[in-house]
């Protein structure tokens, strides 16, 4: 006969035929079919089958239960086998209900958020609403899976004991969390939203709007807070570009009044500024730049004369 059996949790314990006999007799008693002697006889047949099927190998508890069901049916106890299957399913359900995850689900379902730390651990979720509870089901189920299958036994024990805290553990295997977005790198040359491509923005309004879009788009793929840690530096190029636009517009307005016969357009000024930038690597800027301003004054003077050029430049600045 078998010497040991393997329990569901992996432990190896001694084989005990009396436990098999007791389980069979309970099923017979529930079916009002069979005596204690019948239960002993079926248990003996189960032992013989196990010895023939497994030899010196150690059967699992599920293997023994499978053999019990077949032996009952082969010995004319089909109704008892049915009750045994029901009893077996009931025991399985009882074991599952006692697991840590099922206890967590029970608390999430029945406890009031005011009395449950678990239902209040995320300030963004109302644990007393149906959707809040459903989100917590998913969250706690994910944590249970990660703890059992992804962490090492040492990590898992440390996590359970509170020796370590894994931030946003429910997203452990899904994505990175709490990301910092670099606008300077993102906006340079434009970027893809996943549904289309956006060119590099050209004014502070576009920079600001796209900063919001970047956060929102990233939130769809990531988890946790999305932040722009260098917000002022990241939007500074938008301020610089807007200044150039407004400077050029004001310069055009001044020249229209001071030198109307020259018919200088915004496009003419844009080309002039591009030529100066190509030669001096300078452009109009808030902090002023004498190299650019001297080059621009010379270019404007050749178009409208020195006095009009100087007055227009001063107005634009």
C-alpha atoms as a PDB file:
ATOM      1  CA  UNK A   1       0.000   0.000   0.000  1.00  0.00           C
ATOM      2  CA  UNK A   2       1.126   3.671  -0.412  1.00  0.00           C
ATOM      3  CA  UNK A   3       3.340   4.965   2.370  1.00  0.00           C
ATOM      4  CA  UNK A   4       2.830   8.697   1.893  1.00  0.00           C
ATOM      5  CA  UNK A   5       0.616  11.138   0.020  1.00  0.00           C
ATOM      6  CA  UNK A   6       1.212  14.664  -1.305  1.00  0.00           C
ATOM      7  CA  UNK A   7      -1.127  17.290   0.137  1.00  0.00           C
ATOM      8  CA  UNK A   8      -2.446  20.213  -1.912  1.00  0.00           C
ATOM      9  CA  UNK A   9       0.068  22.599  -0.390  1.00  0.00           C
ATOM     10  CA  UNK A  10       2.943  20.293  -1.329  1.00  0.00           C
ATOM     11  CA  UNK A  11       3.478  18.753   2.106  1.00  0.00           C
ATOM     12  CA  UNK A  12       4.131  15.004   2.262  1.00  0.00           C
ATOM     13  CA  UNK A  13       2.214  13.189   5.014  1.00  0.00           C
ATOM     14  CA  UNK A  14       1.689   9.545   5.946  1.00  0.00           C
ATOM     15  CA  UNK A  15      -0.968   7.572   4.090  1.00  0.00           C
ATOM     16  CA  UNK A  16      -3.961   6.796   6.352  1.00  0.00           C
ATOM     17  CA  UNK A  17      -6.624   4.448   4.969  1.00  0.00           C
ATOM     18  CA  UNK A  18      -9.001   5.245   7.860  1.00  0.00           C
ATOM     19  CA  UNK A  19      -9.413   8.802   6.553  1.00  0.00           C
ATOM     20  CA  UNK A  20     -10.454   7.427   3.168  1.00  0.00           C
ATOM     21  CA  UNK A  21     -12.906   5.080   4.862  1.00  0.00           C
ATOM     22  CA  UNK A  22     -14.383   7.956   6.905  1.00  0.00           C
ATOM     23  CA  UNK A  23     -14.882  10.114   3.830  1.00  0.00           C
ATOM     24  CA  UNK A  24     -16.553   7.262   1.920  1.00  0.00           C
ATOM     25  CA  UNK A  25     -18.840   6.458   4.856  1.00  0.00           C
ATOM     26  CA  UNK A  26     -19.907  10.119   5.150  1.00  0.00           C
ATOM     27  CA  UNK A  27     -20.914  10.059   1.490  1.00  0.00           C
ATOM     28  CA  UNK A  28     -22.791   6.757   2.008  1.00  0.00           C
ATOM     29  CA  UNK A  29     -24.547   8.154   5.065  1.00  0.00           C
ATOM     30  CA  UNK A  30     -25.606  11.248   3.119  1.00  0.00           C
ATOM     31  CA  UNK A  31     -26.983   8.986   0.379  1.00  0.00           C
ATOM     32  CA  UNK A  32     -28.637   6.553   2.810  1.00  0.00           C
ATOM     33  CA  UNK A  33     -26.884   3.790   0.865  1.00  0.00           C
ATOM     34  CA  UNK A  34     -24.186   1.566   2.337  1.00  0.00           C
ATOM     35  CA  UNK A  35     -22.791   0.539   5.699  1.00  0.00           C
ATOM     36  CA  UNK A  36     -19.518   0.977   7.533  1.00  0.00           C
ATOM     37  CA  UNK A  37     -18.440  -2.437   6.243  1.00  0.00           C
ATOM     38  CA  UNK A  38     -19.176  -1.319   2.671  1.00  0.00           C
ATOM     39  CA  UNK A  39     -17.041   1.750   3.230  1.00  0.00           C
ATOM     40  CA  UNK A  40     -14.135  -0.398   4.484  1.00  0.00           C
ATOM     41  CA  UNK A  41     -14.494  -2.712   1.478  1.00  0.00           C
ATOM     42  CA  UNK A  42     -14.428   0.209  -1.001  1.00  0.00           C
ATOM     43  CA  UNK A  43     -11.442   1.766   0.807  1.00  0.00           C
ATOM     44  CA  UNK A  44      -9.554  -1.562   0.470  1.00  0.00           C
ATOM     45  CA  UNK A  45     -10.320  -1.561  -3.259  1.00  0.00           C
ATOM     46  CA  UNK A  46      -9.078   2.025  -3.512  1.00  0.00           C
ATOM     47  CA  UNK A  47      -5.815   1.033  -1.818  1.00  0.00           C
ATOM     48  CA  UNK A  48      -5.336  -1.876  -4.217  1.00  0.00           C
ATOM     49  CA  UNK A  49      -5.893   0.408  -7.216  1.00  0.00           C
ATOM     50  CA  UNK A  50      -3.447   2.973  -5.876  1.00  0.00           C
ATOM     51  CA  UNK A  51      -0.776   0.303  -5.364  1.00  0.00           C
ATOM     52  CA  UNK A  52      -1.322  -1.001  -8.893  1.00  0.00           C
ATOM     53  CA  UNK A  53      -1.397   2.465 -10.463  1.00  0.00           C
ATOM     54  CA  UNK A  54       1.418   4.217  -8.592  1.00  0.00           C
ATOM     55  CA  UNK A  55       3.652   1.432  -7.292  1.00  0.00           C
ATOM     56  CA  UNK A  56       6.410   3.047  -5.238  1.00  0.00           C
ATOM     57  CA  UNK A  57       5.477   6.575  -6.412  1.00  0.00           C
ATOM     58  CA  UNK A  58       3.690   8.923  -4.027  1.00  0.00           C
ATOM     59  CA  UNK A  59       0.114   9.826  -5.105  1.00  0.00           C
ATOM     60  CA  UNK A  60      -1.377  13.259  -4.651  1.00  0.00           C
ATOM     61  CA  UNK A  61      -4.529  13.722  -2.599  1.00  0.00           C
ATOM     62  CA  UNK A  62      -6.400  14.589  -5.825  1.00  0.00           C
ATOM     63  CA  UNK A  63      -5.287  11.267  -7.346  1.00  0.00           C
ATOM     64  CA  UNK A  64      -6.735   9.361  -4.370  1.00  0.00           C
ATOM     65  CA  UNK A  65     -10.042  11.225  -4.609  1.00  0.00           C
ATOM     66  CA  UNK A  66     -10.290  10.410  -8.324  1.00  0.00           C
ATOM     67  CA  UNK A  67      -9.769   6.706  -7.573  1.00  0.00           C
ATOM     68  CA  UNK A  68     -12.417   6.824  -4.788  1.00  0.00           C
ATOM     69  CA  UNK A  69     -15.003   8.203  -7.216  1.00  0.00           C
ATOM     70  CA  UNK A  70     -14.306   5.511  -9.846  1.00  0.00           C
ATOM     71  CA  UNK A  71     -14.232   2.705  -7.266  1.00  0.00           C
ATOM     72  CA  UNK A  72     -17.604   3.740  -5.835  1.00  0.00           C
ATOM     73  CA  UNK A  73     -19.166   3.717  -9.300  1.00  0.00           C
ATOM     74  CA  UNK A  74     -17.595   0.336 -10.185  1.00  0.00           C
ATOM     75  CA  UNK A  75     -19.032  -1.157  -7.010  1.00  0.00           C
ATOM     76  CA  UNK A  76     -22.630  -0.095  -7.563  1.00  0.00           C
ATOM     77  CA  UNK A  77     -22.554   3.099  -5.481  1.00  0.00           C
ATOM     78  CA  UNK A  78     -23.195   5.645  -8.246  1.00  0.00           C
ATOM     79  CA  UNK A  79     -25.431   7.784  -5.993  1.00  0.00           C
ATOM     80  CA  UNK A  80     -22.765   7.710  -3.296  1.00  0.00           C
ATOM     81  CA  UNK A  81     -20.130   8.736  -5.851  1.00  0.00           C
ATOM     82  CA  UNK A  82     -22.323  11.708  -6.767  1.00  0.00           C
ATOM     83  CA  UNK A  83     -22.538  12.802  -3.125  1.00  0.00           C
ATOM     84  CA  UNK A  84     -18.798  12.232  -2.719  1.00  0.00           C
ATOM     85  CA  UNK A  85     -18.140  14.539  -5.712  1.00  0.00           C
ATOM     86  CA  UNK A  86     -20.444  17.172  -4.191  1.00  0.00           C
ATOM     87  CA  UNK A  87     -18.722  16.777  -0.815  1.00  0.00           C
ATOM     88  CA  UNK A  88     -15.321  17.061  -2.481  1.00  0.00           C
ATOM     89  CA  UNK A  89     -16.371  20.255  -4.299  1.00  0.00           C
ATOM     90  CA  UNK A  90     -17.753  21.651  -1.041  1.00  0.00           C
ATOM     91  CA  UNK A  91     -14.467  21.000   0.765  1.00  0.00           C
ATOM     92  CA  UNK A  92     -12.535  22.621  -2.082  1.00  0.00           C
ATOM     93  CA  UNK A  93     -14.760  25.685  -1.878  1.00  0.00           C
ATOM     94  CA  UNK A  94     -14.314  25.844   1.905  1.00  0.00           C
ATOM     95  CA  UNK A  95     -10.545  25.725   1.505  1.00  0.00           C
ATOM     96  CA  UNK A  96     -10.618  28.458  -1.133  1.00  0.00           C
ATOM     97  CA  UNK A  97     -12.822  30.648   1.061  1.00  0.00           C
ATOM     98  CA  UNK A  98     -10.216  30.402   3.785  1.00  0.00           C
ATOM     99  CA  UNK A  99      -7.430  31.649   1.531  1.00  0.00           C
ATOM    100  CA  UNK A 100      -6.041  35.134   2.109  1.00  0.00           C
ATOM    101  CA  UNK A 101      -7.437  36.471  -1.173  1.00  0.00           C
ATOM    102  CA  UNK A 102     -10.970  35.261  -0.450  1.00  0.00           C
ATOM    103  CA  UNK A 103     -10.837  36.889   2.982  1.00  0.00           C
ATOM    104  CA  UNK A 104      -9.752  40.120   1.290  1.00  0.00           C
ATOM    105  CA  UNK A 105     -12.662  39.892  -1.159  1.00  0.00           C
ATOM    106  CA  UNK A 106     -15.031  39.249   1.731  1.00  0.00           C
ATOM    107  CA  UNK A 107     -13.839  42.394   3.503  1.00  0.00           C
ATOM    108  CA  UNK A 108     -14.100  44.462   0.329  1.00  0.00           C
ATOM    109  CA  UNK A 109     -17.656  43.217  -0.226  1.00  0.00           C
ATOM    110  CA  UNK A 110     -19.053  43.554   3.263  1.00  0.00           C
ATOM    111  CA  UNK A 111     -16.990  46.033   5.272  1.00  0.00           C
ATOM    112  CA  UNK A 112     -17.689  49.760   5.404  1.00  0.00           C
ATOM    113  CA  UNK A 113     -14.849  51.923   4.085  1.00  0.00           C
ATOM    114  CA  UNK A 114     -14.767  53.804   7.388  1.00  0.00           C
ATOM    115  CA  UNK A 115     -13.792  50.557   9.125  1.00  0.00           C
ATOM    116  CA  UNK A 116     -11.535  49.068   6.430  1.00  0.00           C
ATOM    117  CA  UNK A 117      -8.010  50.354   5.818  1.00  0.00           C
ATOM    118  CA  UNK A 118      -7.941  48.269   2.654  1.00  0.00           C
ATOM    119  CA  UNK A 119     -10.909  50.127   1.137  1.00  0.00           C
ATOM    120  CA  UNK A 120      -9.289  53.487   1.944  1.00  0.00           C
ATOM    121  CA  UNK A 121      -5.713  52.847   0.829  1.00  0.00           C
ATOM    122  CA  UNK A 122      -6.275  54.681  -2.488  1.00  0.00           C
ATOM    123  CA  UNK A 123      -7.629  58.182  -1.989  1.00  0.00           C
ATOM    124  CA  UNK A 124      -8.740  58.296  -5.639  1.00  0.00           C
ATOM    125  CA  UNK A 125     -11.198  55.401  -5.227  1.00  0.00           C
ATOM    126  CA  UNK A 126     -14.442  55.403  -3.239  1.00  0.00           C
ATOM    127  CA  UNK A 127     -14.359  51.873  -1.824  1.00  0.00           C
ATOM    128  CA  UNK A 128     -18.078  51.950  -0.960  1.00  0.00           C
ATOM    129  CA  UNK A 129     -19.270  52.294  -4.568  1.00  0.00           C
ATOM    130  CA  UNK A 130     -19.825  49.331  -6.895  1.00  0.00           C
ATOM    131  CA  UNK A 131     -17.078  50.394  -9.322  1.00  0.00           C
ATOM    132  CA  UNK A 132     -14.747  51.277  -6.454  1.00  0.00           C
ATOM    133  CA  UNK A 133     -15.184  47.795  -4.994  1.00  0.00           C
ATOM    134  CA  UNK A 134     -14.706  46.191  -8.418  1.00  0.00           C
ATOM    135  CA  UNK A 135     -11.458  48.126  -8.914  1.00  0.00           C
ATOM    136  CA  UNK A 136     -10.266  46.930  -5.526  1.00  0.00           C
ATOM    137  CA  UNK A 137     -11.141  43.311  -6.451  1.00  0.00           C
ATOM    138  CA  UNK A 138      -8.843  43.608  -9.456  1.00  0.00           C
ATOM    139  CA  UNK A 139      -6.172  45.419  -7.484  1.00  0.00           C
ATOM    140  CA  UNK A 140      -6.032  42.889  -4.646  1.00  0.00           C
ATOM    141  CA  UNK A 141      -6.235  39.930  -7.045  1.00  0.00           C
ATOM    142  CA  UNK A 142      -3.245  41.287  -8.982  1.00  0.00           C
ATOM    143  CA  UNK A 143      -1.255  41.752  -5.770  1.00  0.00           C
ATOM    144  CA  UNK A 144      -2.012  38.185  -4.698  1.00  0.00           C
ATOM    145  CA  UNK A 145      -0.798  36.856  -8.071  1.00  0.00           C
ATOM    146  CA  UNK A 146       2.411  38.915  -8.033  1.00  0.00           C
ATOM    147  CA  UNK A 147       3.199  37.897  -4.463  1.00  0.00           C
ATOM    148  CA  UNK A 148       2.787  34.193  -5.225  1.00  0.00           C
ATOM    149  CA  UNK A 149       4.308  34.006  -8.708  1.00  0.00           C
ATOM    150  CA  UNK A 150       6.672  36.939  -9.260  1.00  0.00           C
ATOM    151  CA  UNK A 151       8.352  37.705  -5.941  1.00  0.00           C
ATOM    152  CA  UNK A 152      10.962  35.446  -4.406  1.00  0.00           C
ATOM    153  CA  UNK A 153       9.896  33.727  -1.154  1.00  0.00           C
ATOM    154  CA  UNK A 154      12.123  36.144   0.772  1.00  0.00           C
ATOM    155  CA  UNK A 155      10.602  39.192  -0.941  1.00  0.00           C
ATOM    156  CA  UNK A 156       7.092  37.857  -0.444  1.00  0.00           C
ATOM    157  CA  UNK A 157       7.640  37.300   3.269  1.00  0.00           C
ATOM    158  CA  UNK A 158       9.164  40.760   3.700  1.00  0.00           C
ATOM    159  CA  UNK A 159       6.195  42.295   1.854  1.00  0.00           C
ATOM    160  CA  UNK A 160       3.621  40.434   3.970  1.00  0.00           C
ATOM    161  CA  UNK A 161       5.403  41.370   7.200  1.00  0.00           C
ATOM    162  CA  UNK A 162       5.564  45.031   6.251  1.00  0.00           C
ATOM    163  CA  UNK A 163       9.371  45.060   6.217  1.00  0.00           C
ATOM    164  CA  UNK A 164       9.249  46.469   2.673  1.00  0.00           C
ATOM    165  CA  UNK A 165       6.574  48.428   0.803  1.00  0.00           C
ATOM    166  CA  UNK A 166       6.132  48.034  -2.941  1.00  0.00           C
ATOM    167  CA  UNK A 167       4.533  51.207  -4.242  1.00  0.00           C
ATOM    168  CA  UNK A 168       1.545  50.622  -6.574  1.00  0.00           C
ATOM    169  CA  UNK A 169       2.099  46.872  -6.275  1.00  0.00           C
ATOM    170  CA  UNK A 170      -1.115  46.163  -8.217  1.00  0.00           C
ATOM    171  CA  UNK A 171       0.646  47.429 -11.380  1.00  0.00           C
ATOM    172  CA  UNK A 172       3.907  45.580 -10.617  1.00  0.00           C
ATOM    173  CA  UNK A 173       4.044  43.540 -13.851  1.00  0.00           C
ATOM    174  CA  UNK A 174       2.001  45.811 -16.113  1.00  0.00           C
ATOM    175  CA  UNK A 175       3.809  49.114 -16.525  1.00  0.00           C
ATOM    176  CA  UNK A 176       6.091  51.676 -14.958  1.00  0.00           C
ATOM    177  CA  UNK A 177       4.441  54.105 -12.563  1.00  0.00           C
ATOM    178  CA  UNK A 178       4.700  57.751 -11.487  1.00  0.00           C
ATOM    179  CA  UNK A 179       6.603  59.023 -14.547  1.00  0.00           C
ATOM    180  CA  UNK A 180       8.420  62.301 -15.113  1.00  0.00           C
ATOM    181  CA  UNK A 181       8.033  63.753 -18.607  1.00  0.00           C
ATOM    182  CA  UNK A 182      10.853  65.719 -20.239  1.00  0.00           C
ATOM    183  CA  UNK A 183       9.099  68.361 -22.402  1.00  0.00           C
ATOM    184  CA  UNK A 184      12.356  69.614 -23.932  1.00  0.00           C
ATOM    185  CA  UNK A 185      13.139  66.174 -25.342  1.00  0.00           C
ATOM    186  CA  UNK A 186       9.515  65.338 -26.150  1.00  0.00           C
ATOM    187  CA  UNK A 187       8.689  68.481 -28.144  1.00  0.00           C
ATOM    188  CA  UNK A 188      11.981  68.687 -30.056  1.00  0.00           C
ATOM    189  CA  UNK A 189      11.065  67.779 -33.629  1.00  0.00           C
ATOM    190  CA  UNK A 190       7.499  66.840 -32.665  1.00  0.00           C
ATOM    191  CA  UNK A 191       6.110  63.640 -31.154  1.00  0.00           C
ATOM    192  CA  UNK A 192       3.615  60.826 -31.726  1.00  0.00           C
ATOM    193  CA  UNK A 193       0.503  60.455 -29.565  1.00  0.00           C
ATOM    194  CA  UNK A 194      -0.033  56.874 -30.718  1.00  0.00           C
ATOM    195  CA  UNK A 195      -2.901  58.015 -32.969  1.00  0.00           C
ATOM    196  CA  UNK A 196      -1.077  60.662 -34.962  1.00  0.00           C
ATOM    197  CA  UNK A 197       2.010  62.881 -35.144  1.00  0.00           C
ATOM    198  CA  UNK A 198       2.227  66.423 -33.761  1.00  0.00           C
ATOM    199  CA  UNK A 199       4.839  68.821 -35.129  1.00  0.00           C
ATOM    200  CA  UNK A 200       7.058  70.839 -32.826  1.00  0.00           C
ATOM    201  CA  UNK A 201       4.938  73.640 -31.270  1.00  0.00           C
ATOM    202  CA  UNK A 202       5.717  77.225 -32.221  1.00  0.00           C
ATOM    203  CA  UNK A 203       4.236  79.364 -29.426  1.00  0.00           C
ATOM    204  CA  UNK A 204       3.605  79.283 -25.699  1.00  0.00           C
ATOM    205  CA  UNK A 205      -0.112  78.533 -26.146  1.00  0.00           C
ATOM    206  CA  UNK A 206       0.700  75.407 -28.161  1.00  0.00           C
ATOM    207  CA  UNK A 207       3.416  74.406 -25.695  1.00  0.00           C
ATOM    208  CA  UNK A 208       0.950  74.677 -22.812  1.00  0.00           C
ATOM    209  CA  UNK A 209      -1.828  72.774 -24.601  1.00  0.00           C
ATOM    210  CA  UNK A 210       0.522  70.017 -25.752  1.00  0.00           C
ATOM    211  CA  UNK A 211       1.957  69.708 -22.248  1.00  0.00           C
ATOM    212  CA  UNK A 212      -1.570  68.769 -21.102  1.00  0.00           C
ATOM    213  CA  UNK A 213      -1.965  66.356 -24.032  1.00  0.00           C
ATOM    214  CA  UNK A 214       1.401  64.754 -23.222  1.00  0.00           C
ATOM    215  CA  UNK A 215       0.365  64.132 -19.626  1.00  0.00           C
ATOM    216  CA  UNK A 216      -3.012  62.737 -20.689  1.00  0.00           C
ATOM    217  CA  UNK A 217      -1.530  60.531 -23.425  1.00  0.00           C
ATOM    218  CA  UNK A 218       1.133  59.193 -21.064  1.00  0.00           C
ATOM    219  CA  UNK A 219      -1.510  58.513 -18.396  1.00  0.00           C
ATOM    220  CA  UNK A 220      -3.265  56.148 -20.828  1.00  0.00           C
ATOM    221  CA  UNK A 221      -0.132  53.975 -21.034  1.00  0.00           C
ATOM    222  CA  UNK A 222       1.381  54.450 -17.593  1.00  0.00           C
ATOM    223  CA  UNK A 223       0.087  54.437 -14.034  1.00  0.00           C
ATOM    224  CA  UNK A 224       0.264  56.787 -11.113  1.00  0.00           C
ATOM    225  CA  UNK A 225       1.129  60.475 -11.170  1.00  0.00           C
ATOM    226  CA  UNK A 226       2.533  62.015 -14.335  1.00  0.00           C
ATOM    227  CA  UNK A 227       4.741  65.035 -13.636  1.00  0.00           C
ATOM    228  CA  UNK A 228       6.783  67.646 -15.475  1.00  0.00           C
ATOM    229  CA  UNK A 229       9.569  68.432 -13.044  1.00  0.00           C
ATOM    230  CA  UNK A 230      11.203  71.203 -15.123  1.00  0.00           C
ATOM    231  CA  UNK A 231       7.965  72.886 -16.186  1.00  0.00           C
ATOM    232  CA  UNK A 232       9.455  76.404 -16.489  1.00  0.00           C
ATOM    233  CA  UNK A 233      12.468  75.208 -18.484  1.00  0.00           C
ATOM    234  CA  UNK A 234      10.304  72.890 -20.586  1.00  0.00           C
ATOM    235  CA  UNK A 235       7.972  75.719 -21.669  1.00  0.00           C
ATOM    236  CA  UNK A 236      10.702  78.365 -22.022  1.00  0.00           C
ATOM    237  CA  UNK A 237      11.238  77.639 -25.762  1.00  0.00           C
ATOM    238  CA  UNK A 238       7.527  78.388 -26.275  1.00  0.00           C
ATOM    239  CA  UNK A 239       7.984  81.795 -24.620  1.00  0.00           C
ATOM    240  CA  UNK A 240      11.027  82.484 -26.807  1.00  0.00           C
ATOM    241  CA  UNK A 241       9.183  81.527 -30.011  1.00  0.00           C
ATOM    242  CA  UNK A 242       6.154  83.622 -29.051  1.00  0.00           C
ATOM    243  CA  UNK A 243       8.410  86.619 -28.417  1.00  0.00           C
ATOM    244  CA  UNK A 244       9.902  86.298 -31.912  1.00  0.00           C
ATOM    245  CA  UNK A 245       6.415  86.130 -33.439  1.00  0.00           C
ATOM    246  CA  UNK A 246       5.141  89.182 -31.545  1.00  0.00           C
ATOM    247  CA  UNK A 247       8.374  91.093 -32.216  1.00  0.00           C
ATOM    248  CA  UNK A 248       8.073  90.458 -35.952  1.00  0.00           C
ATOM    249  CA  UNK A 249       4.365  91.456 -35.952  1.00  0.00           C
ATOM    250  CA  UNK A 250       5.115  94.712 -34.122  1.00  0.00           C
ATOM    251  CA  UNK A 251       8.024  95.436 -36.446  1.00  0.00           C
ATOM    252  CA  UNK A 252       5.693  94.976 -39.419  1.00  0.00           C
ATOM    253  CA  UNK A 253       3.120  97.378 -37.897  1.00  0.00           C
ATOM    254  CA  UNK A 254       5.784 100.026 -37.236  1.00  0.00           C
ATOM    255  CA  UNK A 255       7.207  99.817 -40.769  1.00  0.00           C
ATOM    256  CA  UNK A 256       3.713 100.022 -42.240  1.00  0.00           C
ATOM    257  CA  UNK A 257       3.311 103.414 -40.507  1.00  0.00           C
ATOM    258  CA  UNK A 258       6.873 104.732 -40.835  1.00  0.00           C
ATOM    259  CA  UNK A 259       7.688 103.447 -44.354  1.00  0.00           C
ATOM    260  CA  UNK A 260       4.393 102.609 -46.074  1.00  0.00           C
ATOM    261  CA  UNK A 261       5.899 102.884 -49.562  1.00  0.00           C
ATOM    262  CA  UNK A 262       8.383 100.046 -48.824  1.00  0.00           C
ATOM    263  CA  UNK A 263       5.499  97.501 -48.600  1.00  0.00           C
ATOM    264  CA  UNK A 264       7.472  95.245 -46.254  1.00  0.00           C
ATOM    265  CA  UNK A 265       5.401  92.182 -45.289  1.00  0.00           C
ATOM    266  CA  UNK A 266       5.630  89.749 -42.404  1.00  0.00           C
ATOM    267  CA  UNK A 267       7.074  87.151 -44.791  1.00  0.00           C
ATOM    268  CA  UNK A 268       9.791  89.636 -45.853  1.00  0.00           C
ATOM    269  CA  UNK A 269      10.723  90.140 -42.198  1.00  0.00           C
ATOM    270  CA  UNK A 270      10.681  86.388 -41.548  1.00  0.00           C
ATOM    271  CA  UNK A 271      13.169  85.877 -44.400  1.00  0.00           C
ATOM    272  CA  UNK A 272      15.345  88.737 -43.132  1.00  0.00           C
ATOM    273  CA  UNK A 273      15.434  87.276 -39.617  1.00  0.00           C
ATOM    274  CA  UNK A 274      16.247  83.815 -40.963  1.00  0.00           C
ATOM    275  CA  UNK A 275      19.171  85.224 -42.958  1.00  0.00           C
ATOM    276  CA  UNK A 276      20.503  87.059 -39.893  1.00  0.00           C
ATOM    277  CA  UNK A 277      20.153  83.943 -37.727  1.00  0.00           C
ATOM    278  CA  UNK A 278      21.984  81.864 -40.330  1.00  0.00           C
ATOM    279  CA  UNK A 279      24.924  84.296 -40.211  1.00  0.00           C
ATOM    280  CA  UNK A 280      25.021  85.241 -36.524  1.00  0.00           C
ATOM    281  CA  UNK A 281      23.202  82.325 -34.842  1.00  0.00           C
ATOM    282  CA  UNK A 282      21.110  84.986 -33.055  1.00  0.00           C
ATOM    283  CA  UNK A 283      17.415  85.928 -33.045  1.00  0.00           C
ATOM    284  CA  UNK A 284      15.241  88.457 -31.191  1.00  0.00           C
ATOM    285  CA  UNK A 285      15.025  87.582 -27.507  1.00  0.00           C
ATOM    286  CA  UNK A 286      13.545  88.891 -24.267  1.00  0.00           C
ATOM    287  CA  UNK A 287      16.972  89.458 -22.706  1.00  0.00           C
ATOM    288  CA  UNK A 288      18.061  91.545 -25.732  1.00  0.00           C
ATOM    289  CA  UNK A 289      21.011  90.689 -27.958  1.00  0.00           C
ATOM    290  CA  UNK A 290      23.202  93.432 -29.399  1.00  0.00           C
ATOM    291  CA  UNK A 291      24.702  91.213 -32.113  1.00  0.00           C
ATOM    292  CA  UNK A 292      21.289  90.445 -33.569  1.00  0.00           C
ATOM    293  CA  UNK A 293      19.916  93.989 -33.125  1.00  0.00           C
ATOM    294  CA  UNK A 294      22.894  95.578 -34.909  1.00  0.00           C
ATOM    295  CA  UNK A 295      22.597  93.118 -37.814  1.00  0.00           C
ATOM    296  CA  UNK A 296      18.840  93.707 -38.021  1.00  0.00           C
ATOM    297  CA  UNK A 297      19.217  97.493 -37.914  1.00  0.00           C
ATOM    298  CA  UNK A 298      21.685  97.340 -40.800  1.00  0.00           C
ATOM    299  CA  UNK A 299      19.319  95.144 -42.835  1.00  0.00           C
ATOM    300  CA  UNK A 300      16.326  97.407 -42.150  1.00  0.00           C
ATOM    301  CA  UNK A 301      18.360 100.534 -42.922  1.00  0.00           C
ATOM    302  CA  UNK A 302      19.067  99.180 -46.417  1.00  0.00           C
ATOM    303  CA  UNK A 303      15.303  98.821 -46.905  1.00  0.00           C
ATOM    304  CA  UNK A 304      13.794 101.980 -45.361  1.00  0.00           C
ATOM    305  CA  UNK A 305      16.663 104.236 -44.185  1.00  0.00           C
ATOM    306  CA  UNK A 306      18.291 104.559 -40.796  1.00  0.00           C
ATOM    307  CA  UNK A 307      15.761 106.798 -39.013  1.00  0.00           C
ATOM    308  CA  UNK A 308      12.692 104.706 -39.873  1.00  0.00           C
ATOM    309  CA  UNK A 309      14.612 101.479 -39.193  1.00  0.00           C
ATOM    310  CA  UNK A 310      15.746 102.679 -35.735  1.00  0.00           C
ATOM    311  CA  UNK A 311      12.262 103.924 -34.714  1.00  0.00           C
ATOM    312  CA  UNK A 312      10.608 100.697 -35.932  1.00  0.00           C
ATOM    313  CA  UNK A 313      13.119  98.539 -34.081  1.00  0.00           C
ATOM    314  CA  UNK A 314      12.712 100.509 -30.855  1.00  0.00           C
ATOM    315  CA  UNK A 315       8.907 100.200 -31.117  1.00  0.00           C
ATOM    316  CA  UNK A 316       9.074  96.443 -31.719  1.00  0.00           C
ATOM    317  CA  UNK A 317      11.439  95.910 -28.762  1.00  0.00           C
END
